[in-house]
Amino acid sequence: MVEPGAFFQTFLGLLGVQLPWIVPALVAGVSSGSSPSATYICRRVTMVFEGASIVLLLVLAGIILARGGAHRLTPQPFA
């Protein structure tokens, strides 16, 4: 729970609010522990976004390789 505390400390610092990192960390810990369904939903949404980003990166890599890369692909390195 340290990461949410550090994130919100930085975010609130940009808004001019000074708050120790432990306060948002405790709030995040209590809220995530008190609502298992919310934790499940957050995990599911994170996995969907991660999966989508991996698929997009694979599509982009496929397009780059299909077009020949920056200097055209040749079988020369394998000969």
Protein backbone atom coordinates (compact mmCIF):
# COMPACT_ATOMS: atom_id res chain seq x y z
CA MET A 1 0.00 0.00 0.00
CA VAL A 2 3.03 2.27 -0.09
CA GLU A 3 2.72 2.96 -3.82
CA PRO A 4 -0.76 4.54 -3.67
CA GLY A 5 0.44 6.63 -0.73
CA ALA A 6 3.49 7.89 -2.62
CA PHE A 7 1.43 8.54 -5.74
CA PHE A 8 -1.21 10.56 -3.93
CA GLN A 9 1.41 12.43 -1.91
CA THR A 10 3.01 13.55 -5.17
CA PHE A 11 -0.36 14.33 -6.78
CA LEU A 12 -1.57 16.35 -3.82
CA GLY A 13 1.82 18.10 -3.65
CA LEU A 14 1.27 19.33 -7.21
CA LEU A 15 -2.04 20.77 -6.04
CA GLY A 16 -0.31 22.51 -3.13
CA VAL A 17 -1.57 20.14 -0.41
CA GLN A 18 1.11 18.73 1.89
CA LEU A 19 0.20 15.33 3.32
CA PRO A 20 2.40 12.50 4.63
CA TRP A 21 2.38 9.42 2.38
CA ILE A 22 1.09 7.21 5.18
CA VAL A 23 -2.36 8.86 5.19
CA PRO A 24 -3.34 7.99 1.59
CA ALA A 25 -1.64 4.60 1.98
CA LEU A 26 -3.83 3.77 4.98
CA VAL A 27 -6.95 4.99 3.18
CA ALA A 28 -6.09 2.81 0.17
CA GLY A 29 -5.41 -0.17 2.43
CA VAL A 30 -8.67 0.17 4.32
CA SER A 31 -10.74 0.75 1.19
CA SER A 32 -9.23 -2.18 -0.69
CA GLY A 33 -9.61 -4.49 2.29
CA SER A 34 -13.20 -3.50 3.01
CA SER A 35 -14.49 -4.07 -0.51
CA PRO A 36 -13.40 -7.36 -2.10
CA SER A 37 -15.72 -6.85 -5.07
CA ALA A 38 -14.09 -3.50 -5.85
CA THR A 39 -10.67 -5.15 -5.71
CA TYR A 40 -11.89 -7.85 -8.08
CA ILE A 41 -13.21 -5.25 -10.51
CA CYS A 42 -9.95 -3.26 -10.38
CA ARG A 43 -7.91 -6.40 -11.03
CA ARG A 44 -10.16 -7.36 -13.93
CA VAL A 45 -9.98 -3.90 -15.53
CA THR A 46 -6.20 -3.83 -15.12
CA MET A 47 -5.86 -7.24 -16.77
CA VAL A 48 -8.08 -6.17 -19.68
CA PHE A 49 -5.99 -3.06 -20.28
CA GLU A 50 -2.73 -5.00 -19.98
CA GLY A 51 -3.99 -7.64 -22.40
CA ALA A 52 -5.12 -4.99 -24.88
CA SER A 53 -1.75 -3.24 -24.72
CA ILE A 54 0.09 -6.52 -25.39
CA VAL A 55 -2.16 -7.26 -28.37
CA LEU A 56 -1.61 -3.76 -29.77
CA LEU A 57 2.17 -4.09 -29.39
CA LEU A 58 2.13 -7.45 -31.16
CA VAL A 59 0.06 -6.00 -34.01
CA LEU A 60 2.46 -3.07 -34.31
CA ALA A 61 5.48 -5.39 -34.34
CA GLY A 62 3.79 -7.53 -37.01
CA ILE A 63 3.13 -4.49 -39.19
CA ILE A 64 6.72 -3.28 -38.85
CA LEU A 65 8.11 -6.71 -39.70
CA ALA A 66 5.66 -7.22 -42.58
CA ARG A 67 6.78 -3.95 -44.17
CA GLY A 68 10.41 -4.96 -43.88
CA GLY A 69 11.59 -3.00 -40.87
CA ALA A 70 13.82 0.04 -41.21
CA HIS A 71 16.33 -1.50 -43.65
CA ARG A 72 14.31 -4.25 -45.34
CA LEU A 73 14.49 -7.77 -43.98
CA THR A 74 16.71 -10.21 -45.81
CA PRO A 75 17.75 -13.80 -45.06
CA GLN A 76 21.43 -12.70 -45.16
CA PRO A 77 22.03 -13.00 -41.37
CA PHE A 78 20.94 -16.66 -41.53
CA ALA A 79 23.14 -17.61 -44.50
